[in-house]
Amino acid sequence: MSMVTRTLLIVAPAVLAAAALRPRSNSSRQSATGNASGAGS
């Protein structure tokens, strides 16, 4: 398996999960979401 394929298999689900969780967490856990995204980047 190539490195690109392996990276996509790891990154794609993580990006989709983050996109799915963001709108829900934004309204109820705004500060927690801000801290998590700040620490992530």
PDB file of N, CA and C in Angstrom:
ATOM      1  N   MET A   1       0.849  -1.204   0.000  1.00  0.00           N
ATOM      2  CA  MET A   1       0.000   0.000   0.000  1.00  0.00           C
ATOM      3  C   MET A   1       0.880   1.247   0.000  1.00  0.00           C
ATOM      4  N   SER A   2       0.553   2.188  -0.882  1.00  0.00           N
ATOM      5  CA  SER A   2       1.386   3.386  -0.980  1.00  0.00           C
ATOM      6  C   SER A   2       1.113   4.323   0.196  1.00  0.00           C
ATOM      7  N   MET A   3       2.051   5.222   0.416  1.00  0.00           N
ATOM      8  CA  MET A   3       1.924   6.153   1.539  1.00  0.00           C
ATOM      9  C   MET A   3       0.732   7.093   1.334  1.00  0.00           C
ATOM     10  N   VAL A   4       0.483   7.475   0.083  1.00  0.00           N
ATOM     11  CA  VAL A   4      -0.630   8.376  -0.213  1.00  0.00           C
ATOM     12  C   VAL A   4      -1.955   7.700   0.123  1.00  0.00           C
ATOM     13  N   THR A   5      -2.104   6.441  -0.280  1.00  0.00           N
ATOM     14  CA  THR A   5      -3.334   5.708  -0.004  1.00  0.00           C
ATOM     15  C   THR A   5      -3.542   5.559   1.493  1.00  0.00           C
ATOM     16  N   ARG A   6      -2.460   5.213   2.195  1.00  0.00           N
ATOM     17  CA  ARG A   6      -2.536   5.026   3.644  1.00  0.00           C
ATOM     18  C   ARG A   6      -2.924   6.329   4.328  1.00  0.00           C
ATOM     19  N   THR A   7      -2.333   7.436   3.876  1.00  0.00           N
ATOM     20  CA  THR A   7      -2.631   8.739   4.467  1.00  0.00           C
ATOM     21  C   THR A   7      -4.091   9.111   4.245  1.00  0.00           C
ATOM     22  N   LEU A   8      -4.595   8.870   3.030  1.00  0.00           N
ATOM     23  CA  LEU A   8      -5.996   9.186   2.731  1.00  0.00           C
ATOM     24  C   LEU A   8      -6.946   8.352   3.580  1.00  0.00           C
ATOM     25  N   LEU A   9      -6.608   7.089   3.796  1.00  0.00           N
ATOM     26  CA  LEU A   9      -7.469   6.219   4.600  1.00  0.00           C
ATOM     27  C   LEU A   9      -7.540   6.697   6.046  1.00  0.00           C
ATOM     28  N   ILE A  10      -6.479   7.336   6.515  1.00  0.00           N
ATOM     29  CA  ILE A  10      -6.456   7.849   7.889  1.00  0.00           C
ATOM     30  C   ILE A  10      -7.087   9.229   7.969  1.00  0.00           C
ATOM     31  N   VAL A  11      -6.771  10.093   7.011  1.00  0.00           N
ATOM     32  CA  VAL A  11      -7.220  11.483   7.053  1.00  0.00           C
ATOM     33  C   VAL A  11      -8.690  11.650   6.683  1.00  0.00           C
ATOM     34  N   ALA A  12      -9.136  10.965   5.632  1.00  0.00           N
ATOM     35  CA  ALA A  12     -10.513  11.154   5.159  1.00  0.00           C
ATOM     36  C   ALA A  12     -11.565  10.909   6.239  1.00  0.00           C
ATOM     37  N   PRO A  13     -11.546   9.785   6.964  1.00  0.00           N
ATOM     38  CA  PRO A  13     -12.550   9.573   8.022  1.00  0.00           C
ATOM     39  C   PRO A  13     -12.434  10.614   9.133  1.00  0.00           C
ATOM     40  N   ALA A  14     -11.223  11.036   9.446  1.00  0.00           N
ATOM     41  CA  ALA A  14     -11.030  12.035  10.495  1.00  0.00           C
ATOM     42  C   ALA A  14     -11.649  13.369  10.088  1.00  0.00           C
ATOM     43  N   VAL A  15     -11.467  13.751   8.830  1.00  0.00           N
ATOM     44  CA  VAL A  15     -12.036  15.006   8.333  1.00  0.00           C
ATOM     45  C   VAL A  15     -13.560  14.929   8.315  1.00  0.00           C
ATOM     46  N   LEU A  16     -14.091  13.788   7.870  1.00  0.00           N
ATOM     47  CA  LEU A  16     -15.546  13.630   7.841  1.00  0.00           C
ATOM     48  C   LEU A  16     -16.128  13.644   9.248  1.00  0.00           C
ATOM     49  N   ALA A  17     -15.450  13.011  10.185  1.00  0.00           N
ATOM     50  CA  ALA A  17     -15.927  12.999  11.570  1.00  0.00           C
ATOM     51  C   ALA A  17     -15.900  14.402  12.151  1.00  0.00           C
ATOM     52  N   ALA A  18     -14.832  15.135  11.890  1.00  0.00           N
ATOM     53  CA  ALA A  18     -14.726  16.505  12.391  1.00  0.00           C
ATOM     54  C   ALA A  18     -15.825  17.377  11.799  1.00  0.00           C
ATOM     55  N   ALA A  19     -16.089  17.218  10.512  1.00  0.00           N
ATOM     56  CA  ALA A  19     -17.135  18.011   9.854  1.00  0.00           C
ATOM     57  C   ALA A  19     -18.512  17.653  10.410  1.00  0.00           C
ATOM     58  N   ALA A  20     -18.714  16.384  10.732  1.00  0.00           N
ATOM     59  CA  ALA A  20     -20.009  15.948  11.263  1.00  0.00           C
ATOM     60  C   ALA A  20     -20.210  16.424  12.700  1.00  0.00           C
ATOM     61  N   LEU A  21     -19.130  16.452  13.476  1.00  0.00           N
ATOM     62  CA  LEU A  21     -19.239  16.837  14.884  1.00  0.00           C
ATOM     63  C   LEU A  21     -19.283  18.342  15.095  1.00  0.00           C
ATOM     64  N   ARG A  22     -18.659  19.093  14.204  1.00  0.00           N
ATOM     65  CA  ARG A  22     -18.562  20.547  14.405  1.00  0.00           C
ATOM     66  C   ARG A  22     -19.902  21.265  14.622  1.00  0.00           C
ATOM     67  N   PRO A  23     -20.876  21.107  13.719  1.00  0.00           N
ATOM     68  CA  PRO A  23     -22.142  21.848  13.898  1.00  0.00           C
ATOM     69  C   PRO A  23     -22.861  21.494  15.195  1.00  0.00           C
ATOM     70  N   ARG A  24     -22.824  20.218  15.592  1.00  0.00           N
ATOM     71  CA  ARG A  24     -23.506  19.796  16.817  1.00  0.00           C
ATOM     72  C   ARG A  24     -22.817  20.377  18.045  1.00  0.00           C
ATOM     73  N   SER A  25     -21.486  20.314  18.083  1.00  0.00           N
ATOM     74  CA  SER A  25     -20.739  20.788  19.251  1.00  0.00           C
ATOM     75  C   SER A  25     -20.737  22.309  19.336  1.00  0.00           C
ATOM     76  N   ASN A  26     -20.892  22.963  18.194  1.00  0.00           N
ATOM     77  CA  ASN A  26     -20.787  24.422  18.157  1.00  0.00           C
ATOM     78  C   ASN A  26     -21.849  25.098  19.012  1.00  0.00           C
ATOM     79  N   SER A  27     -23.056  24.589  18.995  1.00  0.00           N
ATOM     80  CA  SER A  27     -24.133  25.239  19.734  1.00  0.00           C
ATOM     81  C   SER A  27     -24.077  24.928  21.229  1.00  0.00           C
ATOM     82  N   SER A  28     -23.769  23.688  21.590  1.00  0.00           N
ATOM     83  CA  SER A  28     -23.791  23.298  22.999  1.00  0.00           C
ATOM     84  C   SER A  28     -22.438  23.454  23.685  1.00  0.00           C
ATOM     85  N   ARG A  29     -21.345  23.177  22.951  1.00  0.00           N
ATOM     86  CA  ARG A  29     -20.022  23.243  23.577  1.00  0.00           C
ATOM     87  C   ARG A  29     -19.114  24.195  22.800  1.00  0.00           C
ATOM     88  N   GLN A  30     -19.471  25.433  22.774  1.00  0.00           N
ATOM     89  CA  GLN A  30     -18.711  26.380  21.956  1.00  0.00           C
ATOM     90  C   GLN A  30     -17.284  26.538  22.470  1.00  0.00           C
ATOM     91  N   SER A  31     -17.115  26.697  23.780  1.00  0.00           N
ATOM     92  CA  SER A  31     -15.779  26.907  24.340  1.00  0.00           C
ATOM     93  C   SER A  31     -14.928  25.636  24.202  1.00  0.00           C
ATOM     94  N   ALA A  32     -15.540  24.485  24.434  1.00  0.00           N
ATOM     95  CA  ALA A  32     -14.806  23.226  24.319  1.00  0.00           C
ATOM     96  C   ALA A  32     -14.351  23.000  22.881  1.00  0.00           C
ATOM     97  N   THR A  33     -15.219  23.328  21.920  1.00  0.00           N
ATOM     98  CA  THR A  33     -14.864  23.168  20.517  1.00  0.00           C
ATOM     99  C   THR A  33     -13.718  24.114  20.149  1.00  0.00           C
ATOM    100  N   GLY A  34     -13.769  25.338  20.669  1.00  0.00           N
ATOM    101  CA  GLY A  34     -12.712  26.311  20.385  1.00  0.00           C
ATOM    102  C   GLY A  34     -11.383  25.842  20.927  1.00  0.00           C
ATOM    103  N   ASN A  35     -11.408  25.272  22.141  1.00  0.00           N
ATOM    104  CA  ASN A  35     -10.160  24.778  22.735  1.00  0.00           C
ATOM    105  C   ASN A  35      -9.621  23.585  21.956  1.00  0.00           C
ATOM    106  N   ALA A  36     -10.499  22.686  21.562  1.00  0.00           N
ATOM    107  CA  ALA A  36     -10.084  21.482  20.848  1.00  0.00           C
ATOM    108  C   ALA A  36      -9.479  21.846  19.492  1.00  0.00           C
ATOM    109  N   SER A  37     -10.149  22.743  18.754  1.00  0.00           N
ATOM    110  CA  SER A  37      -9.644  23.104  17.428  1.00  0.00           C
ATOM    111  C   SER A  37      -8.342  23.901  17.555  1.00  0.00           C
ATOM    112  N   GLY A  38      -8.236  24.707  18.607  1.00  0.00           N
ATOM    113  CA  GLY A  38      -7.017  25.481  18.812  1.00  0.00           C
ATOM    114  C   GLY A  38      -5.843  24.567  19.112  1.00  0.00           C
ATOM    115  N   ALA A  39      -6.107  23.543  19.933  1.00  0.00           N
ATOM    116  CA  ALA A  39      -5.043  22.599  20.278  1.00  0.00           C
ATOM    117  C   ALA A  39      -4.686  21.737  19.064  1.00  0.00           C
ATOM    118  N   GLY A  40      -5.690  21.431  18.250  1.00  0.00           N
ATOM    119  CA  GLY A  40      -5.455  20.586  17.077  1.00  0.00           C
ATOM    120  C   GLY A  40      -4.573  21.276  16.044  1.00  0.00           C
ATOM    121  N   SER A  41      -4.789  22.563  15.840  1.00  0.00           N
ATOM    122  CA  SER A  41      -4.007  23.267  14.845  1.00  0.00           C
ATOM    123  C   SER A  41      -2.865  23.985  15.518  1.00  0.00           C
TER     124      SER A  41
END
